[in-house]
Protein backbone atom coordinates (compact mmCIF):
# COMPACT_ATOMS: atom_id res chain seq x y z
CA MET A 1 -28.72 -54.20 75.87
CA ASP A 2 -30.30 -53.40 71.92
CA PHE A 3 -29.46 -49.04 71.41
CA GLU A 4 -33.31 -48.76 71.35
CA SER A 5 -33.24 -49.77 75.46
CA LYS A 6 -30.34 -48.54 76.57
CA ILE A 7 -32.58 -44.59 75.26
CA ILE A 8 -34.82 -45.41 76.72
CA SER A 9 -33.25 -46.36 80.53
CA ARG A 10 -31.81 -42.97 79.74
CA GLU A 11 -34.64 -41.42 79.59
CA ILE A 12 -35.60 -43.56 82.52
CA SER A 13 -32.92 -41.98 84.38
CA GLN A 14 -33.14 -38.95 83.78
CA LEU A 15 -36.78 -38.59 84.55
CA LEU A 16 -35.92 -40.68 88.30
CA TRP A 17 -33.24 -38.99 88.61
CA GLU A 18 -34.51 -35.15 88.54
CA ARG A 19 -38.32 -35.99 89.98
CA GLU A 20 -36.07 -37.98 93.13
CA GLN A 21 -38.50 -41.07 92.61
CA THR A 22 -37.41 -45.00 93.15
CA VAL A 23 -38.16 -47.97 90.59
CA GLY A 24 -37.74 -51.36 91.86
CA THR A 25 -39.17 -54.30 89.84
CA ALA A 26 -40.99 -57.87 90.12
CA GLU A 27 -39.99 -59.85 87.47
CA SER A 28 -40.53 -63.85 87.10
CA CYS A 29 -40.66 -64.63 83.11
CA THR A 30 -38.05 -61.70 82.37
CA GLY A 31 -35.74 -63.44 85.21
CA GLY A 32 -34.07 -59.75 86.01
CA ARG A 33 -33.74 -58.88 82.37
CA ILE A 34 -35.81 -55.82 83.15
CA ALA A 35 -33.42 -54.87 85.77
CA GLU A 36 -30.54 -55.09 84.06
CA ALA A 37 -31.95 -53.28 81.21
CA ILE A 38 -32.44 -50.09 84.27
CA ILE A 39 -29.28 -50.81 85.87
CA SER A 40 -27.09 -50.20 82.04
CA VAL A 41 -26.89 -46.14 82.79
CA PRO A 42 -24.27 -44.78 85.04
CA GLY A 43 -25.42 -44.06 88.44
CA ALA A 44 -29.48 -46.38 88.64
CA SER A 45 -28.25 -46.69 92.20
CA LYS A 46 -29.81 -43.32 92.76
CA TYR A 47 -32.69 -44.40 91.22
CA PHE A 48 -33.07 -48.06 91.05
CA LYS A 49 -33.06 -50.02 94.63
CA GLY A 50 -33.52 -53.77 93.36
CA GLY A 51 -35.59 -56.19 92.07
CA ILE A 52 -37.44 -59.35 93.08
CA ILE A 53 -37.16 -62.12 90.92
CA SER A 54 -40.81 -64.32 91.54
CA TYR A 55 -39.90 -67.53 89.26
CA VAL A 56 -43.03 -69.65 91.48
CA ASN A 57 -46.28 -68.14 92.69
CA GLU A 58 -44.70 -69.52 96.68
CA VAL A 59 -42.72 -66.22 95.60
CA LYS A 60 -44.82 -64.04 94.48
CA GLU A 61 -47.54 -64.45 97.30
CA ASN A 62 -44.76 -64.40 100.52
CA LEU A 63 -42.38 -61.11 99.10
CA LEU A 64 -45.29 -59.34 97.02
CA GLY A 65 -48.00 -60.43 99.11
CA VAL A 66 -50.36 -61.83 95.50
CA ASP A 67 -53.32 -63.29 96.20
CA HIS A 68 -53.41 -66.98 96.85
CA GLN A 69 -57.24 -67.15 94.86
CA THR A 70 -55.54 -64.98 92.07
CA LEU A 71 -53.46 -67.04 91.37
CA GLU A 72 -55.69 -70.37 91.57
CA GLU A 73 -58.42 -69.62 89.58
CA GLN A 74 -56.05 -66.76 87.00
CA THR A 75 -52.97 -68.59 86.83
CA ALA A 76 -50.06 -66.13 87.25
CA VAL A 77 -50.74 -65.26 83.38
CA CYS A 78 -53.37 -62.60 84.31
CA GLU A 79 -53.75 -59.00 84.54
CA ASP A 80 -54.51 -58.90 87.77
CA VAL A 81 -51.33 -60.67 89.20
CA ALA A 82 -49.19 -58.08 86.96
CA ARG A 83 -50.50 -55.67 89.47
CA GLN A 84 -50.42 -57.36 92.25
CA MET A 85 -46.88 -57.69 91.48
CA VAL A 86 -46.81 -53.62 91.24
CA GLN A 87 -48.20 -53.37 93.76
CA GLY A 88 -46.18 -56.07 95.95
CA ALA A 89 -42.59 -54.53 94.68
CA CYS A 90 -43.54 -50.92 95.86
CA ARG A 91 -44.33 -52.35 99.15
CA THR A 92 -41.36 -54.94 99.36
CA LEU A 93 -39.17 -52.45 98.03
CA ASN A 94 -40.69 -48.83 99.28
CA VAL A 95 -39.92 -47.30 95.99
CA ASP A 96 -42.70 -44.60 93.81
CA TYR A 97 -42.45 -47.66 91.24
CA ALA A 98 -42.08 -51.19 90.22
CA ILE A 99 -42.81 -52.77 86.59
CA ALA A 100 -43.43 -56.15 86.87
CA ALA A 101 -43.88 -59.17 83.91
CA THR A 102 -45.60 -62.54 84.41
CA GLY A 103 -45.75 -65.41 81.68
CA ILE A 104 -44.59 -67.60 79.26
CA ALA A 105 -41.82 -67.39 77.71
CA GLY A 106 -41.06 -70.37 75.85
CA PRO A 107 -40.33 -73.12 74.22
CA THR A 108 -42.81 -75.52 76.87
CA GLY A 109 -45.44 -74.65 79.31
CA GLY A 110 -48.00 -73.42 77.16
CA THR A 111 -51.44 -74.32 77.40
CA LYS A 112 -54.46 -73.48 75.27
CA ASP A 113 -56.15 -70.51 76.95
CA ILE A 114 -52.22 -69.54 78.01
CA PRO A 115 -50.24 -69.73 75.09
CA VAL A 116 -46.28 -69.26 74.73
CA GLY A 117 -45.42 -65.63 74.39
CA THR A 118 -48.57 -64.43 76.72
CA ILE A 119 -46.66 -62.05 79.13
CA TRP A 120 -48.36 -59.55 81.16
CA LEU A 121 -46.71 -56.65 81.71
CA ALA A 122 -47.23 -53.91 84.11
CA CYS A 123 -46.22 -50.79 86.28
CA GLY A 124 -47.09 -48.00 88.03
CA SER A 125 -47.56 -47.39 91.53
CA ILE A 126 -49.25 -48.80 94.70
CA GLU A 127 -52.29 -46.06 93.97
CA ARG A 128 -52.02 -46.73 89.38
CA GLN A 129 -50.61 -49.33 87.31
CA VAL A 130 -50.69 -49.46 83.42
CA THR A 131 -51.01 -52.75 81.99
CA LEU A 132 -49.94 -54.68 79.06
CA LYS A 133 -50.29 -58.29 77.36
CA VAL A 134 -47.76 -60.10 74.76
CA GLU A 135 -49.22 -62.85 72.65
CA GLU A 136 -45.78 -63.68 70.14
CA ASP A 137 -44.35 -65.94 70.39
CA HIS A 138 -40.52 -66.22 68.17
CA GLY A 139 -39.17 -67.55 70.70
CA ARG A 140 -37.44 -67.89 74.22
CA ASP A 141 -34.67 -65.47 73.55
CA ILE A 142 -36.34 -63.40 70.95
CA ASN A 143 -40.10 -63.00 73.78
CA LEU A 144 -37.91 -62.06 76.91
CA ALA A 145 -36.45 -59.39 74.46
CA ILE A 146 -39.94 -58.08 73.06
CA ALA A 147 -41.09 -58.41 76.92
CA THR A 148 -37.94 -56.39 78.03
CA ASN A 149 -38.54 -53.55 75.91
CA ARG A 150 -42.26 -52.97 76.08
CA ALA A 151 -41.76 -52.63 79.53
CA MET A 152 -39.73 -50.26 79.97
CA GLN A 153 -41.59 -48.11 77.14
CA MET A 154 -44.94 -48.70 78.99
CA PHE A 155 -43.13 -47.19 82.27
CA LEU A 156 -41.60 -44.46 80.12
CA ASP A 157 -44.29 -43.78 78.97
CA PHE A 158 -46.15 -43.72 82.40
CA LEU A 159 -43.93 -41.33 83.62
CA LYS A 160 -44.64 -38.80 81.19
CA ALA A 161 -47.58 -39.05 81.24
CA GLU A 162 -47.08 -38.59 85.61
CA ASN A 163 -45.32 -35.28 84.10
CA VAL A 164 -47.95 -33.68 82.25
CA GLU A 165 -50.67 -34.75 84.58
CA GLU A 166 -48.29 -33.30 87.23
CA ALA A 167 -48.15 -30.19 85.13
CA GLN A 168 -51.35 -29.49 84.26
CA VAL A 169 -51.76 -29.77 88.59
CA GLU A 170 -49.97 -26.86 88.75
CA GLY A 171 -50.72 -25.26 85.81
C-alpha cells in the first residue's frame, strides 16, 4: 500500500475513533482492497466491522438488497447500484457508514457504453451518500489502485464535511 493511502487511512481512523462511529465496505471490482486499506491502521477493529465482497449480482441483491430491476436496466456499473450498496452495507453490517465500489477493472468486460476502467464509487450512510465515477483505463492493477485511493479520499472528505456540518449545528 502506498504512503498516501496510509495517511488517508490514519485520518479516517482518527475521525471515526473520536466520534465512536463505525464503517464497513461493499466491494465488487476492488475485491477487498478498500477494506485492506482501512485495516492497515492498528486498532481498526474499534471502528471497522467488516466488508462484503459482492462480485456477482446475486450477492449484491441477496446480501446488500440492491434492486434487481436497477441491475437489469442499468447494469451493476452505475451510480444507483453504488448508492444501494452503501445503504445495504450499512444495514447488513450495522455500521454508521459504508464505502462501495462497482465497476469494470479490466482487462476485458467493457462495452461501448461502459468501457474498461469505469468504476462507480460511493460512500456515506443510509440517509446520505456521495458518489464518484472513475473513467480511466491504466490496466487492471492501476485501475484498482486508483479506485481504492479515490474511495478512501472521498470517504475522508465526506467525514470532514460531516464534522463541519455538526459544528455549524452546534454553534
